[in-house]
Every structure is written in structure tokens, then in C-alpha cells.
N, C-alpha and C. Protein backbone atom coordinates (compact mmCIF):
# COMPACT_ATOMS: atom_id res chain seq x y z
N LEU A 1 49.70 14.19 67.62
CA LEU A 1 50.79 15.04 67.00
C LEU A 1 51.79 15.15 68.28
N VAL A 2 53.24 15.14 68.15
CA VAL A 2 54.02 15.15 68.88
C VAL A 2 54.47 16.67 69.37
N ARG A 3 54.50 17.09 70.46
CA ARG A 3 54.57 18.52 70.78
C ARG A 3 55.84 18.81 71.36
N SER A 4 56.66 19.67 71.27
CA SER A 4 57.85 20.02 71.84
C SER A 4 58.06 21.14 73.02
N ARG A 5 58.39 21.01 73.68
CA ARG A 5 58.56 21.85 74.98
C ARG A 5 59.71 21.85 75.77
N GLY A 6 60.80 23.12 76.06
CA GLY A 6 61.65 22.79 76.64
C GLY A 6 63.18 22.56 75.92
N LEU A 7 64.31 22.60 76.65
CA LEU A 7 65.42 22.37 76.18
C LEU A 7 65.48 20.61 75.32
N GLY A 8 65.08 20.11 76.54
CA GLY A 8 65.34 18.54 76.28
C GLY A 8 64.16 18.04 75.17
N ASP A 9 63.18 18.93 74.96
CA ASP A 9 62.22 18.31 74.02
C ASP A 9 62.78 19.19 72.48
N VAL A 10 63.67 20.21 72.37
CA VAL A 10 64.54 20.69 71.34
C VAL A 10 65.24 19.46 70.81
N TYR A 11 66.11 18.89 71.94
CA TYR A 11 67.27 17.90 71.54
C TYR A 11 66.17 16.50 70.91
N LYS A 12 64.68 16.08 71.41
CA LYS A 12 64.28 15.01 71.26
C LYS A 12 63.82 15.42 69.75
N ARG A 13 63.44 16.70 69.07
CA ARG A 13 63.19 17.13 67.84
C ARG A 13 64.03 16.70 66.88
N GLN A 14 65.31 17.22 67.29
CA GLN A 14 66.43 16.97 66.46
C GLN A 14 66.75 15.62 66.19
N VAL A 15 66.74 15.11 67.13
CA VAL A 15 66.92 13.45 66.85
C VAL A 15 65.55 12.89 66.03
N ARG A 16 64.51 13.30 66.29
CA ARG A 16 63.23 12.60 65.27
C ARG A 16 63.79 13.45 63.97
N GLU A 17 64.19 14.53 63.57
CA GLU A 17 64.50 14.95 62.54
C GLU A 17 65.76 14.38 61.73
N ARG A 18 66.64 13.63 62.60
CA ARG A 18 67.72 12.93 62.11
C ARG A 18 67.05 11.48 61.79
N VAL A 19 66.49 11.22 62.59
CA VAL A 19 65.92 9.57 62.29
C VAL A 19 64.94 9.55 61.02
N ALA A 20 64.29 10.46 60.86
CA ALA A 20 63.06 10.78 59.62
C ALA A 20 64.29 10.40 58.45
N MET A 21 65.53 10.92 58.32
CA MET A 21 66.33 10.84 57.33
C MET A 21 67.18 9.65 56.86
N ARG A 22 66.95 8.59 57.83
CA ARG A 22 67.34 7.17 57.73
C ARG A 22 66.59 6.45 56.78
N SER A 23 67.29 5.91 55.79
CA SER A 23 66.30 4.87 54.72
C SER A 23 66.25 3.62 54.97
N ASP A 24 66.32 2.88 56.30
CA ASP A 24 66.18 1.79 56.61
C ASP A 24 65.56 1.59 58.24
N LEU A 25 64.41 2.43 57.69
CA LEU A 25 63.29 2.14 59.06
C LEU A 25 62.34 1.58 58.59
N SER A 26 61.37 1.02 59.50
CA SER A 26 60.35 0.03 59.35
C SER A 26 59.16 0.94 58.78
N PRO A 27 58.39 0.70 57.65
CA PRO A 27 57.14 1.21 57.48
C PRO A 27 56.34 1.59 58.64
N ASP A 28 55.83 1.18 59.76
CA ASP A 28 55.36 1.92 60.86
C ASP A 28 56.30 3.03 61.40
N LEU A 29 57.47 3.07 61.31
CA LEU A 29 58.39 4.29 61.98
C LEU A 29 58.00 5.57 61.04
N TYR A 30 58.23 5.12 59.64
CA TYR A 30 57.80 6.22 58.76
C TYR A 30 56.44 6.63 59.00
N GLN A 31 55.53 5.92 59.19
CA GLN A 31 54.37 6.39 59.40
C GLN A 31 53.94 7.39 60.33
N LEU A 32 54.58 7.04 61.75
CA LEU A 32 54.49 7.80 62.72
C LEU A 32 55.47 8.63 62.53
N LEU A 33 56.56 9.24 62.34
CA LEU A 33 57.32 10.40 61.91
C LEU A 33 56.34 11.20 60.69
N SER A 34 55.83 10.68 59.88
CA SER A 34 55.06 11.33 59.04
C SER A 34 53.76 12.47 59.70
N LYS A 35 53.68 12.01 60.98
CA LYS A 35 52.54 12.68 61.46
C LYS A 35 53.07 13.46 62.46
N ASP A 36 54.22 13.66 62.48
CA ASP A 36 54.88 14.80 63.79
C ASP A 36 54.34 16.26 63.45
N ALA A 37 54.38 16.57 64.61
CA ALA A 37 53.95 18.03 64.75
C ALA A 37 55.11 19.04 63.92
N VAL A 38 56.16 18.71 63.96
CA VAL A 38 57.54 19.44 63.60
C VAL A 38 57.52 19.60 62.10
N ASN A 39 57.10 20.45 61.10
CA ASN A 39 57.38 20.26 60.06
C ASN A 39 58.71 19.95 59.35
N HIS A 40 59.83 20.12 59.87
CA HIS A 40 60.95 19.60 59.58
C HIS A 40 61.35 17.87 59.42
N VAL A 41 60.61 17.58 60.52
CA VAL A 41 60.60 16.04 60.69
C VAL A 41 59.80 15.54 59.17
N ARG A 42 58.50 15.91 59.21
CA ARG A 42 57.67 15.82 57.89
C ARG A 42 58.66 16.01 56.75
N ARG A 43 58.93 16.91 56.54
CA ARG A 43 59.69 17.12 55.53
C ARG A 43 60.83 16.16 55.40
N ASN A 44 61.54 15.70 56.16
CA ASN A 44 62.85 14.92 56.13
C ASN A 44 61.84 13.61 55.94
N VAL A 45 60.82 12.97 56.17
CA VAL A 45 60.22 11.87 55.66
C VAL A 45 59.98 12.11 54.20
N ALA A 46 59.47 13.08 53.77
CA ALA A 46 58.97 13.32 52.53
C ALA A 46 59.88 13.17 51.40
N ALA A 47 61.25 13.59 51.76
CA ALA A 47 62.21 13.93 51.27
C ALA A 47 62.94 12.21 51.07
N ASN A 48 62.67 11.25 52.08
CA ASN A 48 63.28 10.41 52.02
C ASN A 48 63.14 9.05 51.18
N VAL A 49 63.86 8.66 50.22
CA VAL A 49 63.69 7.55 49.30
C VAL A 49 63.30 6.29 50.02
N GLY A 50 63.63 6.12 51.04
CA GLY A 50 62.87 4.95 52.15
C GLY A 50 61.55 4.86 52.35
N THR A 51 60.89 6.24 52.27
CA THR A 51 59.53 6.30 52.79
C THR A 51 58.96 5.57 51.89
N PRO A 52 57.91 4.82 52.13
CA PRO A 52 56.59 3.88 51.62
C PRO A 52 56.22 4.92 50.59
N PRO A 53 55.70 4.41 49.45
CA PRO A 53 54.68 5.29 48.64
C PRO A 53 53.42 5.69 49.09
N GLN A 54 52.97 4.86 50.06
CA GLN A 54 51.72 5.20 51.00
C GLN A 54 51.71 6.03 51.51
N VAL A 55 52.70 6.35 52.27
CA VAL A 55 53.09 7.62 53.32
C VAL A 55 53.35 9.00 52.76
N LEU A 56 53.74 8.60 51.62
CA LEU A 56 54.13 9.83 50.32
C LEU A 56 52.81 10.51 50.11
N ASP A 57 51.81 9.26 49.80
CA ASP A 57 50.50 9.55 49.31
C ASP A 57 49.95 10.40 50.24
N GLU A 58 49.96 10.09 51.36
CA GLU A 58 49.39 10.82 52.90
C GLU A 58 50.33 12.24 52.82
N LEU A 59 51.44 12.16 52.64
CA LEU A 59 52.29 13.53 53.00
C LEU A 59 51.90 14.39 51.70
N CYS A 60 51.21 13.99 50.65
CA CYS A 60 50.96 15.16 49.65
C CYS A 60 49.81 15.61 49.77
N GLN A 61 49.27 15.90 51.08
CA GLN A 61 48.05 16.61 51.35
C GLN A 61 48.49 17.35 52.79
N ASP A 62 49.76 17.27 53.25
CA ASP A 62 50.15 17.90 54.25
C ASP A 62 49.88 19.48 54.24
N VAL A 63 49.86 20.34 55.31
CA VAL A 63 49.27 21.50 55.52
C VAL A 63 50.40 22.17 54.90
N ASP A 64 51.64 21.84 55.02
CA ASP A 64 52.69 22.49 54.81
C ASP A 64 53.23 22.47 53.61
N PRO A 65 53.51 23.67 52.66
CA PRO A 65 53.73 23.12 50.67
C PRO A 65 55.11 22.77 50.81
N SER A 66 55.92 23.08 52.04
CA SER A 66 57.34 22.49 51.76
C SER A 66 57.44 20.98 52.00
N VAL A 67 56.87 20.33 52.57
CA VAL A 67 56.08 18.91 52.68
C VAL A 67 55.85 18.33 51.51
N ARG A 68 54.73 19.13 50.68
CA ARG A 68 54.62 18.51 49.60
C ARG A 68 55.20 18.65 48.53
N PHE A 69 56.09 19.73 48.77
CA PHE A 69 57.37 20.18 47.57
C PHE A 69 58.17 19.26 47.75
N ARG A 70 58.50 18.19 48.47
CA ARG A 70 59.52 17.52 48.93
C ARG A 70 59.13 16.00 48.47
N VAL A 71 57.61 15.80 48.49
CA VAL A 71 57.10 14.73 48.07
C VAL A 71 56.97 14.70 46.64
N ALA A 72 56.78 15.87 45.79
CA ALA A 72 57.14 15.96 44.41
C ALA A 72 58.49 15.72 44.01
N LEU A 73 59.29 15.82 44.77
CA LEU A 73 60.50 15.83 44.27
C LEU A 73 61.00 14.24 44.53
N ASN A 74 60.31 13.32 45.41
CA ASN A 74 61.03 11.93 45.76
C ASN A 74 60.71 11.10 44.86
N GLU A 75 61.90 10.32 44.35
CA GLU A 75 61.94 9.54 43.26
C GLU A 75 61.10 8.14 43.73
N VAL A 76 60.66 8.03 44.75
CA VAL A 76 59.75 7.00 44.83
C VAL A 76 58.18 7.29 44.91
N THR A 77 58.06 8.49 44.80
CA THR A 77 56.31 9.10 44.65
C THR A 77 55.71 8.34 43.38
N SER A 78 54.58 7.94 43.71
CA SER A 78 53.79 7.37 42.78
C SER A 78 53.11 8.17 41.85
N ASN A 79 52.89 7.58 40.85
CA ASN A 79 52.32 8.15 39.69
C ASN A 79 50.83 9.10 40.21
N VAL A 80 50.05 8.34 40.93
CA VAL A 80 48.91 8.58 41.19
C VAL A 80 48.96 9.96 42.43
N THR A 81 50.18 10.01 42.86
CA THR A 81 50.42 11.07 44.12
C THR A 81 50.66 12.01 43.21
N PHE A 82 51.87 11.87 42.12
CA PHE A 82 52.09 13.24 41.51
C PHE A 82 50.86 13.94 40.57
N GLU A 83 49.81 12.94 40.25
CA GLU A 83 48.86 13.52 39.83
C GLU A 83 47.87 14.50 40.52
N ARG A 84 48.00 14.12 41.89
CA ARG A 84 47.31 14.57 42.92
C ARG A 84 48.17 16.05 43.17
N LEU A 85 49.39 16.10 43.19
CA LEU A 85 50.22 17.33 43.40
C LEU A 85 50.54 18.24 42.28
N GLU A 86 49.92 17.74 40.87
CA GLU A 86 49.83 18.53 39.98
C GLU A 86 48.64 19.67 40.02
N GLN A 87 47.83 19.27 41.05
CA GLN A 87 46.73 20.10 41.33
C GLN A 87 46.65 20.88 42.61
N ASP A 88 47.84 20.78 43.11
CA ASP A 88 47.98 21.59 44.42
C ASP A 88 47.91 23.08 44.17
N ALA A 89 47.60 23.47 45.57
CA ALA A 89 47.24 25.31 45.41
C ALA A 89 48.42 25.84 45.31
N PHE A 90 49.75 25.43 45.83
CA PHE A 90 51.08 26.05 45.75
C PHE A 90 51.89 25.95 44.48
N GLU A 91 51.99 26.87 43.70
CA GLU A 91 52.71 26.43 42.66
C GLU A 91 53.94 26.02 42.38
N PRO A 92 54.88 26.26 43.24
CA PRO A 92 56.25 25.19 43.27
C PRO A 92 55.87 23.81 43.17
N VAL A 93 54.86 23.38 44.18
CA VAL A 93 54.55 22.30 44.19
C VAL A 93 53.96 21.37 42.59
N ARG A 94 53.23 22.21 42.07
CA ARG A 94 52.76 21.83 40.94
C ARG A 94 53.54 21.61 39.85
N LEU A 95 54.41 22.57 39.91
CA LEU A 95 55.59 22.84 38.84
C LEU A 95 56.63 21.25 39.19
N ALA A 96 57.13 21.31 40.20
CA ALA A 96 57.70 20.15 40.60
C ALA A 96 57.25 18.80 40.24
N ALA A 97 55.71 18.86 40.46
CA ALA A 97 55.20 17.41 40.24
C ALA A 97 55.42 17.08 38.64
N SER A 98 54.55 18.50 37.89
CA SER A 98 54.48 18.02 36.53
C SER A 98 55.73 17.71 35.74
N SER A 99 57.15 18.14 36.35
CA SER A 99 58.37 18.14 35.66
C SER A 99 59.17 16.60 36.06
N ARG A 100 58.40 15.96 36.80
CA ARG A 100 59.21 14.68 37.10
C ARG A 100 58.65 13.39 35.89
N PRO A 101 59.56 12.79 35.41
CA PRO A 101 59.20 11.50 34.49
C PRO A 101 58.44 10.68 35.32
N ARG A 102 57.69 9.91 34.68
CA ARG A 102 56.85 9.05 35.14
C ARG A 102 56.91 7.63 34.63
N GLY A 103 56.32 6.82 35.12
CA GLY A 103 56.15 5.06 34.43
C GLY A 103 57.32 4.56 33.97
N LYS A 104 58.19 4.97 34.65
CA LYS A 104 59.82 3.92 34.68
C LYS A 104 59.85 2.93 35.74
N GLY A 105 59.12 2.71 36.82
CA GLY A 105 59.39 1.87 37.41
C GLY A 105 58.14 0.75 37.74
N GLU A 106 58.52 0.01 38.53
CA GLU A 106 57.37 -1.34 38.79
C GLU A 106 56.15 -0.67 39.45
N GLY A 107 54.97 -1.15 39.40
CA GLY A 107 53.91 -0.42 40.43
C GLY A 107 53.65 0.88 39.97
N GLY A 108 54.07 1.76 39.18
CA GLY A 108 53.77 2.95 38.69
C GLY A 108 54.44 4.23 39.62
N TYR A 109 55.60 3.77 39.91
CA TYR A 109 56.24 4.76 40.79
C TYR A 109 57.34 5.86 39.83
N GLY A 110 57.42 6.77 40.25
CA GLY A 110 57.87 7.73 39.30
C GLY A 110 59.42 7.52 38.79
N TRP A 111 60.77 7.52 39.69
CA TRP A 111 61.77 7.43 39.07
C TRP A 111 62.57 5.97 39.48
N GLY A 112 61.72 4.92 38.96
CA GLY A 112 62.61 3.74 39.12
C GLY A 112 62.12 3.06 40.33
N GLY A 113 61.57 3.73 41.48
CA GLY A 113 61.42 3.15 42.88
C GLY A 113 60.39 2.51 42.66
N GLY A 114 60.05 1.28 43.44
CA GLY A 114 59.00 0.14 43.55
C GLY A 114 59.32 -0.88 44.15
């Protein structure tokens, strides 16, 4: 995991947070950012519709409930991941996952992603 220290590292963290919001990254870069030590970076990856469903599936087990919540709101989250999130310990995550439409897209993705 990436750790931040000092003013220069604060800037680097902010850059990672912004990069994580881009929808045109390579799958490998989404994967790398999904393992960042800074929860704001992981949240941005979880909310990003460009994030591959496999990465979202990994993020649905993140220690931070706000990351899992954003996975539950992401339109490309797979049905399998939604089912996992419906069992989450954090009630807002369960509610978000159970309120999402399913089965509309190719490959079992929630809101037409695929």
C-alpha cells in the first residue's frame, strides 16, 4: 500500500485521487489504485464507471464501508458483487445494494454495464 508523508506526498495523494476519477485508465492502473492506502483514492475507484467489474468485486470487501457503499452505487457492478454487498455488515451498503436494478446488461452487470 502507498503511504503519504509530507507536503509533497499530500500533492501526490491528490493526484492519485484525481487520476482515480478518470474513466479511461488501463485495467492495471485501476487495480493498482484500488489498493491505495488512502481511502479517498479507493472511493474514487469504486465510484468510477470505468473501473472493471473484477476490481469492483475486490473493492466490495474493502475495510472502509464508504468504499463498499460506492461499489454498491456503481452502475457496472456485477450481480455477484451486489449479492455480496447485500450481506454487508454496514446497513447503508446493504440498502444501496438491495435497491439497485439487476440483470439489465450483458454479463450480469447491474445497470447496463458490460
